Each structure stands twice: as structure tokens, then as C-alpha cells.
């Protein structure tokens, strides 16, 4: 299986993928899905957009991604 390397596009991907809509998180609340106090793994976290949304809802979250370049972008965005 060929591994995809996101290193060349990680920066532009990070800028364009901050699009987790508030309505998604609101719809989870309507379905009684709460994150506060829970441990969550975001598998395929990419730049961490969803990871950060879940952290804002008081969960203990770990983001996992096979692309080191995307994880570096995620770390940069946490520091912002």
C-alpha cells in the first residue's frame, strides 16, 4: 500500500480545512452526545480542526494522523 505524503500541501491544507461547522457540534448535542470529561481519540486528525473543537467542549483529546507534516500544522494551530 502506497503511503501518501502530505508534506508539500500541508500548509495550504491547514488553511483550507478549518471548516468544522458549529452546526455539526450543535447537532451532536441534540443527540445527547457530550464531550465534557470524556477521553476522545481523533483518528485521522489531519491539522486538528475537529480535535480543537472537541477540546473546546472540555474533552481530553488525542489527535492521531499518519502524516507528520499535518501533525506539525496541528501543533502550530494549537499555539495560535
C-alpha atoms as a PDB file:
ATOM      1  CA  UNK A   1       0.000   0.000   0.000  1.00  0.00           C
ATOM      2  CA  UNK A   2       1.452   3.344  -1.071  1.00  0.00           C
ATOM      3  CA  UNK A   3       1.826   5.976   1.654  1.00  0.00           C
ATOM      4  CA  UNK A   4       0.623   9.454   0.741  1.00  0.00           C
ATOM      5  CA  UNK A   5       2.948  12.288   1.740  1.00  0.00           C
ATOM      6  CA  UNK A   6       1.111  15.489   2.624  1.00  0.00           C
ATOM      7  CA  UNK A   7       4.319  17.424   3.321  1.00  0.00           C
ATOM      8  CA  UNK A   8       4.099  19.533   0.161  1.00  0.00           C
ATOM      9  CA  UNK A   9       0.486  20.528   0.677  1.00  0.00           C
ATOM     10  CA  UNK A  10       0.244  20.558   4.491  1.00  0.00           C
ATOM     11  CA  UNK A  11       0.326  24.344   4.840  1.00  0.00           C
ATOM     12  CA  UNK A  12      -2.399  25.061   2.262  1.00  0.00           C
ATOM     13  CA  UNK A  13      -4.431  22.095   3.518  1.00  0.00           C
ATOM     14  CA  UNK A  14      -4.263  23.520   7.038  1.00  0.00           C
ATOM     15  CA  UNK A  15      -5.538  26.919   5.871  1.00  0.00           C
ATOM     16  CA  UNK A  16      -8.413  25.431   3.898  1.00  0.00           C
ATOM     17  CA  UNK A  17      -9.612  22.765   6.356  1.00  0.00           C
ATOM     18  CA  UNK A  18     -10.676  24.904   9.304  1.00  0.00           C
ATOM     19  CA  UNK A  19     -14.275  24.353   8.272  1.00  0.00           C
ATOM     20  CA  UNK A  20     -15.862  22.283  11.049  1.00  0.00           C
ATOM     21  CA  UNK A  21     -19.298  23.923  11.218  1.00  0.00           C
ATOM     22  CA  UNK A  22     -20.812  24.903  14.554  1.00  0.00           C
ATOM     23  CA  UNK A  23     -23.964  23.168  13.361  1.00  0.00           C
ATOM     24  CA  UNK A  24     -22.149  19.810  13.488  1.00  0.00           C
ATOM     25  CA  UNK A  25     -21.298  20.268  17.139  1.00  0.00           C
ATOM     26  CA  UNK A  26     -24.812  21.553  17.883  1.00  0.00           C
ATOM     27  CA  UNK A  27     -26.347  18.521  16.179  1.00  0.00           C
ATOM     28  CA  UNK A  28     -24.263  16.224  18.388  1.00  0.00           C
ATOM     29  CA  UNK A  29     -25.633  17.980  21.466  1.00  0.00           C
ATOM     30  CA  UNK A  30     -29.175  17.456  20.175  1.00  0.00           C
ATOM     31  CA  UNK A  31     -28.381  13.741  20.055  1.00  0.00           C
ATOM     32  CA  UNK A  32     -27.123  13.810  23.668  1.00  0.00           C
ATOM     33  CA  UNK A  33     -23.501  13.391  22.601  1.00  0.00           C
ATOM     34  CA  UNK A  34     -21.447  15.311  25.127  1.00  0.00           C
ATOM     35  CA  UNK A  35     -17.660  15.551  25.260  1.00  0.00           C
ATOM     36  CA  UNK A  36     -17.046  17.165  28.650  1.00  0.00           C
ATOM     37  CA  UNK A  37     -14.861  14.954  30.811  1.00  0.00           C
ATOM     38  CA  UNK A  38     -14.535  12.198  28.195  1.00  0.00           C
ATOM     39  CA  UNK A  39     -11.409  10.772  26.601  1.00  0.00           C
ATOM     40  CA  UNK A  40     -11.559  11.008  22.801  1.00  0.00           C
ATOM     41  CA  UNK A  41      -9.229   9.858  20.024  1.00  0.00           C
ATOM     42  CA  UNK A  42      -9.476  11.773  16.753  1.00  0.00           C
ATOM     43  CA  UNK A  43      -8.170   9.199  14.277  1.00  0.00           C
ATOM     44  CA  UNK A  44      -7.062  10.831  11.034  1.00  0.00           C
ATOM     45  CA  UNK A  45      -6.908  14.186  12.794  1.00  0.00           C
ATOM     46  CA  UNK A  46      -5.046  15.942   9.991  1.00  0.00           C
ATOM     47  CA  UNK A  47      -4.481  19.529  11.088  1.00  0.00           C
ATOM     48  CA  UNK A  48      -6.582  19.072  14.215  1.00  0.00           C
ATOM     49  CA  UNK A  49      -9.615  21.182  13.285  1.00  0.00           C
ATOM     50  CA  UNK A  50     -12.083  18.714  14.814  1.00  0.00           C
ATOM     51  CA  UNK A  51      -9.690  17.921  17.652  1.00  0.00           C
ATOM     52  CA  UNK A  52      -9.667  21.585  18.709  1.00  0.00           C
ATOM     53  CA  UNK A  53     -13.480  21.814  18.526  1.00  0.00           C
ATOM     54  CA  UNK A  54     -13.771  18.824  20.848  1.00  0.00           C
ATOM     55  CA  UNK A  55     -11.149  20.252  23.244  1.00  0.00           C
ATOM     56  CA  UNK A  56     -13.237  23.444  23.420  1.00  0.00           C
ATOM     57  CA  UNK A  57     -16.017  21.219  24.750  1.00  0.00           C
ATOM     58  CA  UNK A  58     -13.838  20.130  27.675  1.00  0.00           C
ATOM     59  CA  UNK A  59     -12.764  16.669  26.490  1.00  0.00           C
ATOM     60  CA  UNK A  60      -9.348  15.073  26.886  1.00  0.00           C
ATOM     61  CA  UNK A  61      -8.451  14.553  23.205  1.00  0.00           C
ATOM     62  CA  UNK A  62      -5.587  12.896  21.371  1.00  0.00           C
ATOM     63  CA  UNK A  63      -5.239  13.555  17.636  1.00  0.00           C
ATOM     64  CA  UNK A  64      -3.630  10.791  15.563  1.00  0.00           C
ATOM     65  CA  UNK A  65      -2.558  11.063  11.939  1.00  0.00           C
ATOM     66  CA  UNK A  66      -0.043   9.184   9.769  1.00  0.00           C
ATOM     67  CA  UNK A  67       1.194  12.441   8.223  1.00  0.00           C
ATOM     68  CA  UNK A  68       3.916  14.095  10.275  1.00  0.00           C
ATOM     69  CA  UNK A  69       3.508  17.279   8.196  1.00  0.00           C
ATOM     70  CA  UNK A  70      -0.191  17.571   9.073  1.00  0.00           C
ATOM     71  CA  UNK A  71       0.546  16.911  12.751  1.00  0.00           C
ATOM     72  CA  UNK A  72       3.098  19.735  12.673  1.00  0.00           C
ATOM     73  CA  UNK A  73       0.399  22.026  11.260  1.00  0.00           C
ATOM     74  CA  UNK A  74      -1.927  20.895  14.066  1.00  0.00           C
ATOM     75  CA  UNK A  75       0.705  21.796  16.677  1.00  0.00           C
ATOM     76  CA  UNK A  76       1.152  25.230  15.108  1.00  0.00           C
ATOM     77  CA  UNK A  77      -2.587  25.882  15.265  1.00  0.00           C
ATOM     78  CA  UNK A  78      -2.805  24.902  18.938  1.00  0.00           C
ATOM     79  CA  UNK A  79      -0.215  27.579  19.694  1.00  0.00           C
ATOM     80  CA  UNK A  80      -2.235  30.295  17.881  1.00  0.00           C
END
